[in-house]
């Protein structure tokens, strides 16, 4: 338990003393350890050029508030540990399941302390990320504003950002236009897909209707076709066969006779009508 508490407190102190935090903005109140003095001083100098005195003062006060909050929570954790030790000394036993004062056990107190330390660690990490995001936004926004609205203090590097910003804006506009075209194309594709599905459904309905009409026609034909009709159709078919045979024989006789059937119109039509019904 003591090792877990020490590890959690070390993590809290390391997250609060991050070199990118607000502590480097306030001068004496935010000085780091001896090994990080040079980097913190350079970071503080670079940030002080971008922030006004009022902003630096507000950030320093915010950093002091966080330090006071950290100290208070550290004291609360130490006080809770002391109370747990006193409760263990005055309790009815020394086991982990021993009931102490007010119905609390050693396991309950340790679990509560672990949850408190985990919450403090999560809050410290969230504060560090928030501070890093604020510093990053400040560092990025300052040169951009000076490039767009130059003054006497604007450096050559900051002025060189203006063409890049113009190109970035042009690319952003092009990307927006392409995105709109893509959205319109996707909408058109969806509309075309719906039209295809509707056409397929109509084709299916028409095919079903055609099959129904064909079945009705076959049923009507079967109803009106009696024995006399079937016999007449058979006689007509036999007559067509006899006619074909007779015509083919006549054509063969005309061709084999040696008569000049080409000059005679009737013979020519008879010979050339081969295969016609």
C-alpha atoms as a PDB file:
ATOM      1  CA  UNK A   1       0.000   0.000   0.000  1.00  0.00           C
ATOM      2  CA  UNK A   2       2.823   2.426   0.859  1.00  0.00           C
ATOM      3  CA  UNK A   3       4.580   1.608  -2.413  1.00  0.00           C
ATOM      4  CA  UNK A   4       1.399   2.264  -4.428  1.00  0.00           C
ATOM      5  CA  UNK A   5       0.853   5.564  -2.596  1.00  0.00           C
ATOM      6  CA  UNK A   6       4.457   6.653  -3.251  1.00  0.00           C
ATOM      7  CA  UNK A   7       4.189   5.727  -6.937  1.00  0.00           C
ATOM      8  CA  UNK A   8       0.932   7.633  -7.360  1.00  0.00           C
ATOM      9  CA  UNK A   9       2.330  10.707  -5.620  1.00  0.00           C
ATOM     10  CA  UNK A  10       5.427  10.568  -7.838  1.00  0.00           C
ATOM     11  CA  UNK A  11       3.209  10.460 -10.927  1.00  0.00           C
ATOM     12  CA  UNK A  12       1.190  13.409  -9.649  1.00  0.00           C
ATOM     13  CA  UNK A  13       4.309  15.498  -9.075  1.00  0.00           C
ATOM     14  CA  UNK A  14       5.747  14.566 -12.477  1.00  0.00           C
ATOM     15  CA  UNK A  15       2.548  15.527 -14.326  1.00  0.00           C
ATOM     16  CA  UNK A  16       2.244  18.824 -12.454  1.00  0.00           C
ATOM     17  CA  UNK A  17       5.890  19.779 -13.119  1.00  0.00           C
ATOM     18  CA  UNK A  18       5.735  19.050 -16.867  1.00  0.00           C
ATOM     19  CA  UNK A  19       8.108  21.416 -18.775  1.00  0.00           C
ATOM     20  CA  UNK A  20       5.316  22.560 -21.107  1.00  0.00           C
ATOM     21  CA  UNK A  21       2.949  23.545 -18.293  1.00  0.00           C
ATOM     22  CA  UNK A  22       1.865  26.980 -17.100  1.00  0.00           C
ATOM     23  CA  UNK A  23       4.559  27.012 -14.432  1.00  0.00           C
ATOM     24  CA  UNK A  24       7.133  28.326 -16.914  1.00  0.00           C
ATOM     25  CA  UNK A  25       5.035  31.396 -17.594  1.00  0.00           C
ATOM     26  CA  UNK A  26       5.008  32.963 -14.184  1.00  0.00           C
ATOM     27  CA  UNK A  27       8.696  33.691 -13.523  1.00  0.00           C
ATOM     28  CA  UNK A  28       9.749  32.971  -9.930  1.00  0.00           C
ATOM     29  CA  UNK A  29       6.606  31.080  -9.013  1.00  0.00           C
ATOM     30  CA  UNK A  30       7.041  28.564 -11.854  1.00  0.00           C
ATOM     31  CA  UNK A  31      10.775  27.841 -11.837  1.00  0.00           C
ATOM     32  CA  UNK A  32      11.641  24.171 -12.348  1.00  0.00           C
ATOM     33  CA  UNK A  33      14.360  21.998 -10.896  1.00  0.00           C
ATOM     34  CA  UNK A  34      18.041  22.708 -11.391  1.00  0.00           C
ATOM     35  CA  UNK A  35      18.482  20.227 -14.235  1.00  0.00           C
ATOM     36  CA  UNK A  36      15.694  21.867 -16.320  1.00  0.00           C
ATOM     37  CA  UNK A  37      16.598  25.522 -15.631  1.00  0.00           C
ATOM     38  CA  UNK A  38      18.005  26.204 -19.094  1.00  0.00           C
ATOM     39  CA  UNK A  39      15.117  24.634 -21.056  1.00  0.00           C
ATOM     40  CA  UNK A  40      12.477  26.213 -18.817  1.00  0.00           C
ATOM     41  CA  UNK A  41      14.102  29.629 -19.089  1.00  0.00           C
ATOM     42  CA  UNK A  42      14.265  29.405 -22.893  1.00  0.00           C
ATOM     43  CA  UNK A  43      10.641  28.244 -23.075  1.00  0.00           C
ATOM     44  CA  UNK A  44       9.568  31.033 -20.711  1.00  0.00           C
ATOM     45  CA  UNK A  45      11.397  33.610 -22.827  1.00  0.00           C
ATOM     46  CA  UNK A  46       9.812  32.384 -26.065  1.00  0.00           C
ATOM     47  CA  UNK A  47       6.332  32.343 -24.530  1.00  0.00           C
ATOM     48  CA  UNK A  48       6.727  35.749 -22.897  1.00  0.00           C
ATOM     49  CA  UNK A  49       7.211  37.248 -26.363  1.00  0.00           C
ATOM     50  CA  UNK A  50       3.806  35.940 -27.435  1.00  0.00           C
ATOM     51  CA  UNK A  51       1.739  36.727 -24.324  1.00  0.00           C
ATOM     52  CA  UNK A  52       0.856  40.008 -22.712  1.00  0.00           C
ATOM     53  CA  UNK A  53       1.615  40.821 -19.091  1.00  0.00           C
ATOM     54  CA  UNK A  54      -1.999  40.305 -18.139  1.00  0.00           C
ATOM     55  CA  UNK A  55      -2.063  36.846 -19.760  1.00  0.00           C
ATOM     56  CA  UNK A  56       1.174  35.827 -18.062  1.00  0.00           C
ATOM     57  CA  UNK A  57      -0.183  36.976 -14.711  1.00  0.00           C
ATOM     58  CA  UNK A  58      -3.407  34.986 -15.181  1.00  0.00           C
ATOM     59  CA  UNK A  59      -1.504  31.855 -16.197  1.00  0.00           C
ATOM     60  CA  UNK A  60       0.826  32.212 -13.208  1.00  0.00           C
ATOM     61  CA  UNK A  61      -2.144  32.531 -10.837  1.00  0.00           C
ATOM     62  CA  UNK A  62      -3.719  29.472 -12.433  1.00  0.00           C
ATOM     63  CA  UNK A  63      -0.498  27.536 -11.914  1.00  0.00           C
ATOM     64  CA  UNK A  64      -0.347  28.606  -8.255  1.00  0.00           C
ATOM     65  CA  UNK A  65      -3.929  27.443  -7.800  1.00  0.00           C
ATOM     66  CA  UNK A  66      -3.038  24.037  -9.227  1.00  0.00           C
ATOM     67  CA  UNK A  67      -0.018  23.784  -6.916  1.00  0.00           C
ATOM     68  CA  UNK A  68      -2.152  24.640  -3.880  1.00  0.00           C
ATOM     69  CA  UNK A  69      -4.720  22.058  -4.969  1.00  0.00           C
ATOM     70  CA  UNK A  70      -1.982  19.455  -5.345  1.00  0.00           C
ATOM     71  CA  UNK A  71      -0.596  20.234  -1.890  1.00  0.00           C
ATOM     72  CA  UNK A  72      -4.061  20.027  -0.353  1.00  0.00           C
ATOM     73  CA  UNK A  73      -4.729  16.659  -1.952  1.00  0.00           C
ATOM     74  CA  UNK A  74      -1.323  15.394  -0.870  1.00  0.00           C
ATOM     75  CA  UNK A  75      -2.062  16.422   2.710  1.00  0.00           C
ATOM     76  CA  UNK A  76      -5.475  14.787   2.513  1.00  0.00           C
ATOM     77  CA  UNK A  77      -3.869  11.557   1.319  1.00  0.00           C
ATOM     78  CA  UNK A  78      -1.289  11.671   4.122  1.00  0.00           C
ATOM     79  CA  UNK A  79      -4.026  12.435   6.678  1.00  0.00           C
ATOM     80  CA  UNK A  80      -6.103   9.515   5.379  1.00  0.00           C
ATOM     81  CA  UNK A  81      -3.056   7.251   5.664  1.00  0.00           C
ATOM     82  CA  UNK A  82      -2.443   8.470   9.216  1.00  0.00           C
ATOM     83  CA  UNK A  83      -6.057   7.853  10.152  1.00  0.00           C
ATOM     84  CA  UNK A  84      -5.863   4.386   8.657  1.00  0.00           C
ATOM     85  CA  UNK A  85      -2.743   3.677  10.725  1.00  0.00           C
ATOM     86  CA  UNK A  86      -4.376   4.977  13.897  1.00  0.00           C
ATOM     87  CA  UNK A  87      -7.496   2.959  13.197  1.00  0.00           C
ATOM     88  CA  UNK A  88      -5.371  -0.134  12.671  1.00  0.00           C
ATOM     89  CA  UNK A  89      -3.572   0.472  15.968  1.00  0.00           C
ATOM     90  CA  UNK A  90      -6.804   0.918  17.951  1.00  0.00           C
ATOM     91  CA  UNK A  91      -8.831  -1.743  16.165  1.00  0.00           C
ATOM     92  CA  UNK A  92      -9.835  -5.121  17.410  1.00  0.00           C
ATOM     93  CA  UNK A  93      -7.449  -6.959  15.137  1.00  0.00           C
ATOM     94  CA  UNK A  94      -4.725  -6.635  12.525  1.00  0.00           C
ATOM     95  CA  UNK A  95      -6.136  -8.694   9.623  1.00  0.00           C
ATOM     96  CA  UNK A  96      -7.269  -7.213   6.315  1.00  0.00           C
ATOM     97  CA  UNK A  97     -10.871  -8.061   7.108  1.00  0.00           C
ATOM     98  CA  UNK A  98     -10.773  -6.662  10.640  1.00  0.00           C
ATOM     99  CA  UNK A  99     -13.585  -4.229  11.414  1.00  0.00           C
ATOM    100  CA  UNK A 100     -12.312  -0.836  12.583  1.00  0.00           C
ATOM    101  CA  UNK A 101     -14.169   2.250  13.768  1.00  0.00           C
ATOM    102  CA  UNK A 102     -17.568   3.113  12.232  1.00  0.00           C
ATOM    103  CA  UNK A 103     -17.772  -0.255  10.491  1.00  0.00           C
ATOM    104  CA  UNK A 104     -14.745   0.393   8.211  1.00  0.00           C
ATOM    105  CA  UNK A 105     -12.234  -2.333   7.441  1.00  0.00           C
ATOM    106  CA  UNK A 106      -8.621  -2.065   6.350  1.00  0.00           C
ATOM    107  CA  UNK A 107      -9.562  -3.233   2.847  1.00  0.00           C
ATOM    108  CA  UNK A 108     -12.237  -0.535   2.570  1.00  0.00           C
ATOM    109  CA  UNK A 109      -9.819   2.217   3.619  1.00  0.00           C
ATOM    110  CA  UNK A 110      -7.106   1.019   1.239  1.00  0.00           C
ATOM    111  CA  UNK A 111      -9.601   0.756  -1.641  1.00  0.00           C
ATOM    112  CA  UNK A 112     -10.858   4.287  -0.927  1.00  0.00           C
ATOM    113  CA  UNK A 113      -7.311   5.629  -0.911  1.00  0.00           C
ATOM    114  CA  UNK A 114      -6.501   3.867  -4.182  1.00  0.00           C
ATOM    115  CA  UNK A 115      -9.609   5.310  -5.833  1.00  0.00           C
ATOM    116  CA  UNK A 116      -8.733   8.791  -4.528  1.00  0.00           C
ATOM    117  CA  UNK A 117      -5.200   8.550  -5.893  1.00  0.00           C
ATOM    118  CA  UNK A 118      -6.478   7.265  -9.259  1.00  0.00           C
ATOM    119  CA  UNK A 119      -8.900  10.201  -9.515  1.00  0.00           C
ATOM    120  CA  UNK A 120      -6.157  12.676  -8.643  1.00  0.00           C
ATOM    121  CA  UNK A 121      -3.848  11.093 -11.204  1.00  0.00           C
ATOM    122  CA  UNK A 122      -6.524  11.291 -13.923  1.00  0.00           C
ATOM    123  CA  UNK A 123      -7.256  14.919 -13.079  1.00  0.00           C
ATOM    124  CA  UNK A 124      -3.558  15.776 -13.142  1.00  0.00           C
ATOM    125  CA  UNK A 125      -3.133  14.139 -16.556  1.00  0.00           C
ATOM    126  CA  UNK A 126      -6.192  15.962 -17.891  1.00  0.00           C
ATOM    127  CA  UNK A 127      -4.847  19.286 -16.598  1.00  0.00           C
ATOM    128  CA  UNK A 128      -1.481  18.621 -18.196  1.00  0.00           C
ATOM    129  CA  UNK A 129      -3.076  17.827 -21.558  1.00  0.00           C
ATOM    130  CA  UNK A 130      -5.193  20.967 -21.289  1.00  0.00           C
ATOM    131  CA  UNK A 131      -2.157  23.104 -20.569  1.00  0.00           C
ATOM    132  CA  UNK A 132      -0.207  21.555 -23.431  1.00  0.00           C
ATOM    133  CA  UNK A 133      -3.105  22.187 -25.815  1.00  0.00           C
ATOM    134  CA  UNK A 134      -3.377  25.817 -24.665  1.00  0.00           C
ATOM    135  CA  UNK A 135       0.357  26.408 -25.062  1.00  0.00           C
ATOM    136  CA  UNK A 136       0.394  24.721 -28.462  1.00  0.00           C
ATOM    137  CA  UNK A 137      -2.549  26.811 -29.661  1.00  0.00           C
ATOM    138  CA  UNK A 138      -0.809  29.970 -28.400  1.00  0.00           C
ATOM    139  CA  UNK A 139       2.473  29.068 -30.066  1.00  0.00           C
ATOM    140  CA  UNK A 140       0.743  28.290 -33.369  1.00  0.00           C
ATOM    141  CA  UNK A 141      -1.694  31.208 -33.399  1.00  0.00           C
ATOM    142  CA  UNK A 142       0.823  33.934 -32.565  1.00  0.00           C
ATOM    143  CA  UNK A 143       3.056  33.610 -35.678  1.00  0.00           C
ATOM    144  CA  UNK A 144       0.014  33.163 -37.911  1.00  0.00           C
ATOM    145  CA  UNK A 145      -1.555  36.402 -36.670  1.00  0.00           C
ATOM    146  CA  UNK A 146       1.722  38.261 -37.124  1.00  0.00           C
ATOM    147  CA  UNK A 147       2.041  36.863 -40.665  1.00  0.00           C
ATOM    148  CA  UNK A 148      -1.505  37.943 -41.579  1.00  0.00           C
ATOM    149  CA  UNK A 149      -1.298  41.303 -39.777  1.00  0.00           C
ATOM    150  CA  UNK A 150       2.395  42.249 -39.891  1.00  0.00           C
ATOM    151  CA  UNK A 151       3.840  45.124 -37.906  1.00  0.00           C
ATOM    152  CA  UNK A 152       7.270  46.522 -37.123  1.00  0.00           C
ATOM    153  CA  UNK A 153       8.071  43.588 -34.791  1.00  0.00           C
ATOM    154  CA  UNK A 154       7.203  40.919 -37.371  1.00  0.00           C
ATOM    155  CA  UNK A 155      10.234  38.809 -38.320  1.00  0.00           C
ATOM    156  CA  UNK A 156      11.181  37.586 -41.782  1.00  0.00           C
ATOM    157  CA  UNK A 157      10.252  34.017 -40.895  1.00  0.00           C
ATOM    158  CA  UNK A 158       6.798  35.107 -39.805  1.00  0.00           C
ATOM    159  CA  UNK A 159       6.348  37.069 -43.047  1.00  0.00           C
ATOM    160  CA  UNK A 160       7.398  33.979 -45.002  1.00  0.00           C
ATOM    161  CA  UNK A 161       4.373  32.149 -43.584  1.00  0.00           C
ATOM    162  CA  UNK A 162       1.914  34.308 -45.564  1.00  0.00           C
ATOM    163  CA  UNK A 163       2.370  32.500 -48.960  1.00  0.00           C
ATOM    164  CA  UNK A 164       2.081  29.171 -47.173  1.00  0.00           C
ATOM    165  CA  UNK A 165      -1.121  30.314 -45.488  1.00  0.00           C
ATOM    166  CA  UNK A 166      -2.532  31.427 -48.843  1.00  0.00           C
ATOM    167  CA  UNK A 167      -1.662  28.052 -50.337  1.00  0.00           C
ATOM    168  CA  UNK A 168      -3.213  26.305 -47.346  1.00  0.00           C
ATOM    169  CA  UNK A 169      -6.432  28.295 -47.761  1.00  0.00           C
ATOM    170  CA  UNK A 170      -6.504  27.530 -51.503  1.00  0.00           C
ATOM    171  CA  UNK A 171      -5.992  23.827 -50.829  1.00  0.00           C
ATOM    172  CA  UNK A 172      -8.691  23.902 -48.157  1.00  0.00           C
ATOM    173  CA  UNK A 173     -11.132  25.544 -50.577  1.00  0.00           C
ATOM    174  CA  UNK A 174     -10.240  23.010 -53.278  1.00  0.00           C
ATOM    175  CA  UNK A 175     -10.732  20.186 -50.809  1.00  0.00           C
ATOM    176  CA  UNK A 176     -14.127  21.591 -49.820  1.00  0.00           C
ATOM    177  CA  UNK A 177     -15.192  21.838 -53.487  1.00  0.00           C
ATOM    178  CA  UNK A 178     -14.025  18.306 -54.206  1.00  0.00           C
ATOM    179  CA  UNK A 179     -15.848  17.059 -51.116  1.00  0.00           C
ATOM    180  CA  UNK A 180     -19.053  18.742 -52.303  1.00  0.00           C
ATOM    181  CA  UNK A 181     -18.636  17.205 -55.773  1.00  0.00           C
ATOM    182  CA  UNK A 182     -18.060  13.817 -54.173  1.00  0.00           C
ATOM    183  CA  UNK A 183     -21.199  14.205 -52.067  1.00  0.00           C
ATOM    184  CA  UNK A 184     -23.242  15.191 -55.138  1.00  0.00           C
ATOM    185  CA  UNK A 185     -21.810  12.247 -57.088  1.00  0.00           C
ATOM    186  CA  UNK A 186     -22.669   9.874 -54.267  1.00  0.00           C
ATOM    187  CA  UNK A 187     -26.206  11.282 -54.119  1.00  0.00           C
ATOM    188  CA  UNK A 188     -26.539  10.828 -57.894  1.00  0.00           C
ATOM    189  CA  UNK A 189     -25.228   7.277 -57.586  1.00  0.00           C
ATOM    190  CA  UNK A 190     -27.766   6.528 -54.875  1.00  0.00           C
ATOM    191  CA  UNK A 191     -30.564   8.019 -57.015  1.00  0.00           C
ATOM    192  CA  UNK A 192     -29.441   5.944 -60.013  1.00  0.00           C
ATOM    193  CA  UNK A 193     -29.396   2.820 -57.853  1.00  0.00           C
ATOM    194  CA  UNK A 194     -32.931   3.537 -56.699  1.00  0.00           C
ATOM    195  CA  UNK A 195     -34.064   4.090 -60.300  1.00  0.00           C
ATOM    196  CA  UNK A 196     -32.474   0.775 -61.330  1.00  0.00           C
ATOM    197  CA  UNK A 197     -34.237  -1.032 -58.503  1.00  0.00           C
ATOM    198  CA  UNK A 198     -37.560   0.573 -59.484  1.00  0.00           C
ATOM    199  CA  UNK A 199     -37.037  -0.407 -63.139  1.00  0.00           C
ATOM    200  CA  UNK A 200     -36.242  -3.984 -62.123  1.00  0.00           C
ATOM    201  CA  UNK A 201     -39.419  -4.134 -60.059  1.00  0.00           C
ATOM    202  CA  UNK A 202     -41.469  -2.784 -62.982  1.00  0.00           C
ATOM    203  CA  UNK A 203     -39.876  -5.303 -65.355  1.00  0.00           C
ATOM    204  CA  UNK A 204     -40.708  -8.088 -62.943  1.00  0.00           C
ATOM    205  CA  UNK A 205     -44.300  -6.918 -62.700  1.00  0.00           C
ATOM    206  CA  UNK A 206     -44.592  -6.700 -66.517  1.00  0.00           C
ATOM    207  CA  UNK A 207     -43.050 -10.169 -66.933  1.00  0.00           C
ATOM    208  CA  UNK A 208     -45.507 -11.613 -64.422  1.00  0.00           C
ATOM    209  CA  UNK A 209     -48.373  -9.915 -66.217  1.00  0.00           C
ATOM    210  CA  UNK A 210     -47.152 -11.223 -69.600  1.00  0.00           C
ATOM    211  CA  UNK A 211     -46.971 -14.761 -68.242  1.00  0.00           C
ATOM    212  CA  UNK A 212     -50.488 -14.398 -66.851  1.00  0.00           C
ATOM    213  CA  UNK A 213     -51.831 -13.156 -70.193  1.00  0.00           C
ATOM    214  CA  UNK A 214     -50.069 -15.984 -72.024  1.00  0.00           C
ATOM    215  CA  UNK A 215     -51.608 -18.509 -69.674  1.00  0.00           C
ATOM    216  CA  UNK A 216     -55.045 -16.940 -70.176  1.00  0.00           C
ATOM    217  CA  UNK A 217     -54.625 -17.026 -73.963  1.00  0.00           C
ATOM    218  CA  UNK A 218     -53.580 -20.687 -73.885  1.00  0.00           C
ATOM    219  CA  UNK A 219     -56.565 -21.472 -71.697  1.00  0.00           C
ATOM    220  CA  UNK A 220     -58.947 -19.674 -74.072  1.00  0.00           C
ATOM    221  CA  UNK A 221     -57.419 -21.412 -77.113  1.00  0.00           C
ATOM    222  CA  UNK A 222     -57.744 -24.777 -75.419  1.00  0.00           C
ATOM    223  CA  UNK A 223     -61.358 -24.026 -74.553  1.00  0.00           C
ATOM    224  CA  UNK A 224     -62.371 -23.066 -78.147  1.00  0.00           C
ATOM    225  CA  UNK A 225     -60.338 -25.744 -79.931  1.00  0.00           C
ATOM    226  CA  UNK A 226     -62.648 -28.726 -80.366  1.00  0.00           C
ATOM    227  CA  UNK A 227     -62.250 -31.998 -82.280  1.00  0.00           C
ATOM    228  CA  UNK A 228     -63.429 -30.453 -85.569  1.00  0.00           C
ATOM    229  CA  UNK A 229     -60.872 -27.685 -85.280  1.00  0.00           C
ATOM    230  CA  UNK A 230     -58.076 -30.150 -84.570  1.00  0.00           C
ATOM    231  CA  UNK A 231     -59.121 -32.322 -87.553  1.00  0.00           C
ATOM    232  CA  UNK A 232     -59.233 -29.275 -89.867  1.00  0.00           C
ATOM    233  CA  UNK A 233     -55.736 -28.245 -88.783  1.00  0.00           C
ATOM    234  CA  UNK A 234     -54.468 -31.782 -89.527  1.00  0.00           C
ATOM    235  CA  UNK A 235     -56.062 -31.768 -92.985  1.00  0.00           C
ATOM    236  CA  UNK A 236     -54.539 -28.327 -93.715  1.00  0.00           C
ATOM    237  CA  UNK A 237     -51.105 -29.557 -92.687  1.00  0.00           C
ATOM    238  CA  UNK A 238     -51.421 -32.668 -94.903  1.00  0.00           C
ATOM    239  CA  UNK A 239     -52.571 -30.523 -97.816  1.00  0.00           C
ATOM    240  CA  UNK A 240     -49.543 -28.220 -97.423  1.00  0.00           C
ATOM    241  CA  UNK A 241     -47.246 -31.241 -97.443  1.00  0.00           C
ATOM    242  CA  UNK A 242     -48.862 -32.608-100.649  1.00  0.00           C
ATOM    243  CA  UNK A 243     -48.616 -29.176-102.246  1.00  0.00           C
ATOM    244  CA  UNK A 244     -44.925 -28.958-101.420  1.00  0.00           C
ATOM    245  CA  UNK A 245     -44.253 -32.399-102.855  1.00  0.00           C
ATOM    246  CA  UNK A 246     -46.226 -31.700-106.066  1.00  0.00           C
ATOM    247  CA  UNK A 247     -44.510 -28.372-106.615  1.00  0.00           C
ATOM    248  CA  UNK A 248     -41.049 -29.846-106.084  1.00  0.00           C
ATOM    249  CA  UNK A 249     -41.805 -32.612-108.631  1.00  0.00           C
ATOM    250  CA  UNK A 250     -43.043 -30.049-111.190  1.00  0.00           C
ATOM    251  CA  UNK A 251     -39.945 -27.907-110.717  1.00  0.00           C
ATOM    252  CA  UNK A 252     -37.696 -30.926-111.226  1.00  0.00           C
ATOM    253  CA  UNK A 253     -39.562 -31.900-114.404  1.00  0.00           C
ATOM    254  CA  UNK A 254     -39.264 -28.368-115.835  1.00  0.00           C
ATOM    255  CA  UNK A 255     -35.569 -28.098-115.075  1.00  0.00           C
ATOM    256  CA  UNK A 256     -34.765 -31.580-116.423  1.00  0.00           C
ATOM    257  CA  UNK A 257     -36.783 -31.140-119.624  1.00  0.00           C
ATOM    258  CA  UNK A 258     -34.306 -28.719-121.155  1.00  0.00           C
ATOM    259  CA  UNK A 259     -36.979 -26.082-121.782  1.00  0.00           C
ATOM    260  CA  UNK A 260     -35.757 -22.465-121.686  1.00  0.00           C
ATOM    261  CA  UNK A 261     -37.689 -21.700-118.504  1.00  0.00           C
ATOM    262  CA  UNK A 262     -35.720 -18.534-117.878  1.00  0.00           C
ATOM    263  CA  UNK A 263     -37.442 -16.682-120.762  1.00  0.00           C
ATOM    264  CA  UNK A 264     -40.903 -17.933-119.803  1.00  0.00           C
ATOM    265  CA  UNK A 265     -42.311 -15.889-116.900  1.00  0.00           C
ATOM    266  CA  UNK A 266     -44.660 -18.590-115.506  1.00  0.00           C
ATOM    267  CA  UNK A 267     -42.012 -21.328-115.672  1.00  0.00           C
ATOM    268  CA  UNK A 268     -39.436 -19.004-114.133  1.00  0.00           C
ATOM    269  CA  UNK A 269     -41.748 -18.148-111.223  1.00  0.00           C
ATOM    270  CA  UNK A 270     -42.506 -21.856-110.719  1.00  0.00           C
ATOM    271  CA  UNK A 271     -38.837 -22.858-110.570  1.00  0.00           C
ATOM    272  CA  UNK A 272     -37.739 -19.906-108.432  1.00  0.00           C
ATOM    273  CA  UNK A 273     -40.669 -20.378-105.983  1.00  0.00           C
ATOM    274  CA  UNK A 274     -38.902 -23.401-104.513  1.00  0.00           C
ATOM    275  CA  UNK A 275     -39.185 -23.369-100.724  1.00  0.00           C
ATOM    276  CA  UNK A 276     -42.025 -20.793-100.534  1.00  0.00           C
ATOM    277  CA  UNK A 277     -45.296 -21.829 -98.941  1.00  0.00           C
END
